[in-house]
Amino acid sequence: MKDEVEADEDLKNKSANDIKAMMGIKTETLAERFVHELRYFKETGKHLDIKNITLCTGSRYDDGYVPDVYWYEGFGRLFVGWFGPGDAGDSLRSRSAVS
């Protein structure tokens, strides 16, 4: 993944279903997002996703819902939640894998 604080600008307003329909795009899973957060914090002392939410479209729950992750500075902790597979918005963004 790119070491950008916020998830990919070009993937905002795209739901998990939209991204799945875009063949050939591999996106960050929930497990990868956790590792990414730890590595980024260890290297910089800062957190990812302080303004937006990473929609981990590389992972899905059994019911189709997609995990999301963001840093909530007000509470000083990492939050994990979930959105429906058709949910999209300006602050929801996925992270595409780079090789």
N, C-alpha and C. Protein backbone atom coordinates (compact mmCIF):
# COMPACT_ATOMS: atom_id res chain seq x y z
N MET A 1 0.83 -1.17 0.00
CA MET A 1 0.00 0.00 0.00
C MET A 1 0.88 1.24 0.00
N LYS A 2 0.33 2.31 -0.52
CA LYS A 2 1.04 3.58 -0.47
C LYS A 2 1.10 4.05 0.98
N ASP A 3 2.17 4.71 1.33
CA ASP A 3 2.29 5.24 2.68
C ASP A 3 1.71 6.65 2.76
N GLU A 4 0.50 6.80 2.34
CA GLU A 4 -0.22 8.06 2.45
C GLU A 4 -1.07 8.00 3.71
N VAL A 5 -1.21 9.14 4.39
CA VAL A 5 -2.00 9.17 5.61
C VAL A 5 -3.45 8.80 5.32
N GLU A 6 -4.01 9.35 4.27
CA GLU A 6 -5.39 9.08 3.91
C GLU A 6 -5.46 8.07 2.77
N ALA A 7 -6.53 7.31 2.74
CA ALA A 7 -6.74 6.32 1.68
C ALA A 7 -6.90 7.02 0.34
N ASP A 8 -6.91 6.25 -0.72
CA ASP A 8 -6.85 6.75 -2.09
C ASP A 8 -8.00 7.69 -2.45
N GLU A 9 -7.63 8.90 -2.86
CA GLU A 9 -8.59 9.92 -3.29
C GLU A 9 -9.45 9.42 -4.44
N ASP A 10 -8.85 8.68 -5.37
CA ASP A 10 -9.59 8.22 -6.54
C ASP A 10 -10.57 7.09 -6.22
N LEU A 11 -10.52 6.57 -4.99
CA LEU A 11 -11.47 5.53 -4.60
C LEU A 11 -12.51 6.04 -3.60
N LYS A 12 -12.62 7.36 -3.43
CA LYS A 12 -13.68 7.89 -2.57
C LYS A 12 -14.99 7.82 -3.33
N ASN A 13 -16.08 7.79 -2.60
CA ASN A 13 -17.43 7.68 -3.18
C ASN A 13 -17.63 6.39 -3.97
N LYS A 14 -16.83 5.37 -3.66
CA LYS A 14 -16.97 4.07 -4.31
C LYS A 14 -17.27 3.03 -3.22
N SER A 15 -18.35 2.32 -3.39
CA SER A 15 -18.73 1.28 -2.42
C SER A 15 -17.90 0.02 -2.67
N ALA A 16 -17.98 -0.92 -1.77
CA ALA A 16 -17.31 -2.21 -1.95
C ALA A 16 -17.84 -2.89 -3.21
N ASN A 17 -19.13 -2.75 -3.47
CA ASN A 17 -19.70 -3.33 -4.69
C ASN A 17 -19.13 -2.65 -5.94
N ASP A 18 -18.97 -1.31 -5.89
CA ASP A 18 -18.39 -0.59 -7.02
C ASP A 18 -16.97 -1.09 -7.30
N ILE A 19 -16.19 -1.22 -6.24
CA ILE A 19 -14.79 -1.64 -6.39
C ILE A 19 -14.70 -3.08 -6.89
N LYS A 20 -15.59 -3.93 -6.41
CA LYS A 20 -15.62 -5.32 -6.89
C LYS A 20 -15.92 -5.36 -8.39
N ALA A 21 -16.79 -4.46 -8.84
CA ALA A 21 -17.15 -4.40 -10.26
C ALA A 21 -16.00 -3.88 -11.12
N MET A 22 -15.06 -3.16 -10.51
CA MET A 22 -13.89 -2.63 -11.22
C MET A 22 -12.84 -3.73 -11.25
N MET A 23 -12.93 -4.61 -12.18
CA MET A 23 -12.05 -5.78 -12.25
C MET A 23 -10.58 -5.38 -12.22
N GLY A 24 -9.79 -6.17 -11.51
CA GLY A 24 -8.35 -5.96 -11.48
C GLY A 24 -7.84 -5.06 -10.37
N ILE A 25 -8.73 -4.49 -9.57
CA ILE A 25 -8.28 -3.65 -8.46
C ILE A 25 -8.21 -4.51 -7.20
N LYS A 26 -7.02 -4.63 -6.64
CA LYS A 26 -6.83 -5.35 -5.39
C LYS A 26 -6.72 -4.29 -4.29
N THR A 27 -7.51 -4.45 -3.24
CA THR A 27 -7.53 -3.46 -2.16
C THR A 27 -7.14 -4.08 -0.83
N GLU A 28 -6.82 -3.21 0.10
CA GLU A 28 -6.34 -3.61 1.41
C GLU A 28 -7.41 -4.37 2.20
N THR A 29 -6.96 -5.45 2.85
CA THR A 29 -7.84 -6.22 3.74
C THR A 29 -7.76 -5.63 5.14
N LEU A 30 -8.62 -6.09 6.02
CA LEU A 30 -8.60 -5.63 7.40
C LEU A 30 -7.27 -5.98 8.07
N ALA A 31 -6.81 -7.22 7.88
CA ALA A 31 -5.53 -7.64 8.48
C ALA A 31 -4.38 -6.78 7.94
N GLU A 32 -4.37 -6.52 6.65
CA GLU A 32 -3.32 -5.68 6.06
C GLU A 32 -3.37 -4.26 6.61
N ARG A 33 -4.58 -3.76 6.83
CA ARG A 33 -4.73 -2.40 7.37
C ARG A 33 -4.15 -2.30 8.78
N PHE A 34 -4.35 -3.33 9.60
CA PHE A 34 -3.76 -3.35 10.94
C PHE A 34 -2.23 -3.33 10.88
N VAL A 35 -1.67 -4.17 10.02
CA VAL A 35 -0.21 -4.22 9.88
C VAL A 35 0.31 -2.88 9.34
N HIS A 36 -0.40 -2.31 8.39
CA HIS A 36 -0.03 -1.02 7.81
C HIS A 36 0.00 0.06 8.89
N GLU A 37 -1.02 0.07 9.75
CA GLU A 37 -1.09 1.05 10.84
C GLU A 37 0.10 0.89 11.78
N LEU A 38 0.39 -0.33 12.19
CA LEU A 38 1.51 -0.58 13.10
C LEU A 38 2.85 -0.16 12.50
N ARG A 39 3.07 -0.53 11.26
CA ARG A 39 4.33 -0.19 10.60
C ARG A 39 4.46 1.32 10.42
N TYR A 40 3.37 1.96 9.98
CA TYR A 40 3.39 3.41 9.77
C TYR A 40 3.65 4.15 11.09
N PHE A 41 3.00 3.72 12.16
CA PHE A 41 3.20 4.35 13.46
C PHE A 41 4.63 4.15 13.96
N LYS A 42 5.15 2.95 13.77
CA LYS A 42 6.52 2.66 14.22
C LYS A 42 7.52 3.54 13.48
N GLU A 43 7.28 3.77 12.18
CA GLU A 43 8.21 4.56 11.38
C GLU A 43 8.05 6.07 11.56
N THR A 44 6.85 6.56 11.82
CA THR A 44 6.60 8.00 11.83
C THR A 44 6.12 8.55 13.17
N GLY A 45 5.60 7.69 14.04
CA GLY A 45 5.00 8.16 15.28
C GLY A 45 3.63 8.78 15.06
N LYS A 46 3.08 8.62 13.85
CA LYS A 46 1.77 9.18 13.49
C LYS A 46 0.83 8.06 13.06
N HIS A 47 -0.44 8.41 12.89
CA HIS A 47 -1.46 7.43 12.52
C HIS A 47 -2.01 7.69 11.13
N LEU A 48 -2.60 6.66 10.55
CA LEU A 48 -3.28 6.75 9.27
C LEU A 48 -4.75 7.13 9.49
N ASP A 49 -5.38 7.60 8.44
CA ASP A 49 -6.83 7.86 8.44
C ASP A 49 -7.28 8.76 9.59
N ILE A 50 -6.72 9.96 9.64
CA ILE A 50 -7.13 10.89 10.69
C ILE A 50 -8.28 11.79 10.24
N LYS A 51 -8.53 11.87 8.93
CA LYS A 51 -9.64 12.68 8.41
C LYS A 51 -10.69 11.84 7.70
N ASN A 52 -10.31 10.68 7.22
CA ASN A 52 -11.21 9.82 6.45
C ASN A 52 -11.20 8.40 7.02
N ILE A 53 -11.93 7.53 6.38
CA ILE A 53 -12.11 6.15 6.84
C ILE A 53 -11.66 5.21 5.73
N THR A 54 -10.78 4.26 6.08
CA THR A 54 -10.42 3.24 5.10
C THR A 54 -11.47 2.14 5.10
N LEU A 55 -12.09 1.96 3.96
CA LEU A 55 -13.04 0.88 3.75
C LEU A 55 -12.22 -0.31 3.26
N CYS A 56 -12.10 -1.34 4.08
CA CYS A 56 -11.24 -2.49 3.78
C CYS A 56 -11.97 -3.45 2.85
N THR A 57 -12.09 -3.05 1.58
CA THR A 57 -12.89 -3.80 0.62
C THR A 57 -12.27 -5.12 0.22
N GLY A 58 -11.03 -5.36 0.65
CA GLY A 58 -10.42 -6.66 0.42
C GLY A 58 -10.93 -7.72 1.38
N SER A 59 -11.72 -7.30 2.36
CA SER A 59 -12.33 -8.21 3.35
C SER A 59 -13.84 -8.01 3.35
N ARG A 60 -14.56 -9.07 3.67
CA ARG A 60 -16.02 -8.98 3.84
C ARG A 60 -16.44 -9.93 4.93
N TYR A 61 -17.45 -9.51 5.68
CA TYR A 61 -18.08 -10.41 6.64
C TYR A 61 -19.02 -11.34 5.89
N ASP A 62 -19.49 -12.40 6.56
CA ASP A 62 -20.39 -13.36 5.92
C ASP A 62 -21.65 -12.72 5.36
N ASP A 63 -22.11 -11.64 5.99
CA ASP A 63 -23.34 -10.99 5.54
C ASP A 63 -23.09 -9.94 4.45
N GLY A 64 -21.85 -9.84 3.96
CA GLY A 64 -21.52 -8.91 2.88
C GLY A 64 -20.99 -7.57 3.37
N TYR A 65 -21.15 -7.30 4.67
CA TYR A 65 -20.66 -6.03 5.19
C TYR A 65 -19.13 -5.97 5.13
N VAL A 66 -18.62 -4.75 5.05
CA VAL A 66 -17.20 -4.51 4.84
C VAL A 66 -16.62 -3.77 6.05
N PRO A 67 -15.49 -4.24 6.60
CA PRO A 67 -14.90 -3.55 7.74
C PRO A 67 -14.29 -2.21 7.34
N ASP A 68 -14.30 -1.29 8.29
CA ASP A 68 -13.66 0.00 8.07
C ASP A 68 -12.79 0.33 9.27
N VAL A 69 -11.76 1.15 9.05
CA VAL A 69 -10.80 1.49 10.09
C VAL A 69 -10.47 2.97 9.99
N TYR A 70 -10.37 3.61 11.15
CA TYR A 70 -9.90 5.00 11.19
C TYR A 70 -9.36 5.32 12.57
N TRP A 71 -8.53 6.36 12.63
CA TRP A 71 -7.97 6.83 13.89
C TRP A 71 -8.84 7.97 14.40
N TYR A 72 -9.33 7.84 15.63
CA TYR A 72 -10.14 8.88 16.24
C TYR A 72 -9.27 9.58 17.27
N GLU A 73 -8.76 10.74 16.88
CA GLU A 73 -7.83 11.49 17.73
C GLU A 73 -8.46 11.88 19.06
N GLY A 74 -9.75 12.23 19.03
CA GLY A 74 -10.44 12.65 20.25
C GLY A 74 -10.41 11.60 21.35
N PHE A 75 -10.43 10.33 20.97
CA PHE A 75 -10.37 9.24 21.93
C PHE A 75 -8.98 8.61 21.99
N GLY A 76 -8.12 8.99 21.05
CA GLY A 76 -6.77 8.44 21.01
C GLY A 76 -6.74 6.95 20.76
N ARG A 77 -7.61 6.49 19.87
CA ARG A 77 -7.63 5.06 19.57
C ARG A 77 -8.10 4.77 18.15
N LEU A 78 -7.77 3.56 17.74
CA LEU A 78 -8.15 3.06 16.43
C LEU A 78 -9.55 2.46 16.53
N PHE A 79 -10.40 2.83 15.59
CA PHE A 79 -11.76 2.29 15.57
C PHE A 79 -11.95 1.37 14.38
N VAL A 80 -12.70 0.31 14.59
CA VAL A 80 -13.07 -0.62 13.53
C VAL A 80 -14.58 -0.73 13.55
N GLY A 81 -15.19 -0.62 12.41
CA GLY A 81 -16.63 -0.75 12.28
C GLY A 81 -16.95 -1.49 11.00
N TRP A 82 -18.14 -1.27 10.47
CA TRP A 82 -18.49 -1.90 9.21
C TRP A 82 -19.55 -1.08 8.50
N PHE A 83 -19.52 -1.19 7.18
CA PHE A 83 -20.49 -0.53 6.30
C PHE A 83 -21.10 -1.58 5.40
N GLY A 84 -22.27 -1.28 4.90
CA GLY A 84 -22.91 -2.16 3.94
C GLY A 84 -22.15 -2.18 2.63
N PRO A 85 -22.28 -3.24 1.85
CA PRO A 85 -21.52 -3.37 0.61
C PRO A 85 -21.85 -2.31 -0.43
N GLY A 86 -22.99 -1.64 -0.29
CA GLY A 86 -23.37 -0.58 -1.23
C GLY A 86 -23.14 0.82 -0.70
N ASP A 87 -22.62 0.94 0.52
CA ASP A 87 -22.39 2.25 1.13
C ASP A 87 -21.19 2.95 0.50
N ALA A 88 -21.34 4.25 0.25
CA ALA A 88 -20.27 5.07 -0.31
C ALA A 88 -20.39 6.47 0.27
N GLY A 89 -19.31 7.23 0.18
CA GLY A 89 -19.33 8.60 0.67
C GLY A 89 -17.97 9.25 0.51
N ASP A 90 -17.93 10.57 0.69
CA ASP A 90 -16.68 11.33 0.55
C ASP A 90 -15.59 10.86 1.50
N SER A 91 -15.98 10.49 2.71
CA SER A 91 -14.97 10.11 3.71
C SER A 91 -14.65 8.63 3.69
N LEU A 92 -15.37 7.84 2.91
CA LEU A 92 -15.09 6.40 2.78
C LEU A 92 -14.19 6.18 1.57
N ARG A 93 -13.03 5.58 1.82
CA ARG A 93 -12.07 5.36 0.74
C ARG A 93 -11.36 4.03 0.94
N SER A 94 -11.05 3.38 -0.13
CA SER A 94 -10.27 2.15 -0.06
C SER A 94 -8.82 2.47 -0.38
N ARG A 95 -7.96 1.52 -0.07
CA ARG A 95 -6.53 1.64 -0.39
C ARG A 95 -6.20 0.55 -1.40
N SER A 96 -5.75 0.95 -2.57
CA SER A 96 -5.38 -0.04 -3.58
C SER A 96 -3.97 -0.54 -3.33
N ALA A 97 -3.76 -1.79 -3.64
CA ALA A 97 -2.45 -2.42 -3.48
C ALA A 97 -1.55 -1.94 -4.62
N VAL A 98 -0.30 -1.70 -4.29
CA VAL A 98 0.68 -1.35 -5.31
C VAL A 98 1.75 -2.42 -5.30
N SER A 99 2.33 -2.64 -6.49
CA SER A 99 3.38 -3.67 -6.55
C SER A 99 4.68 -3.10 -7.00
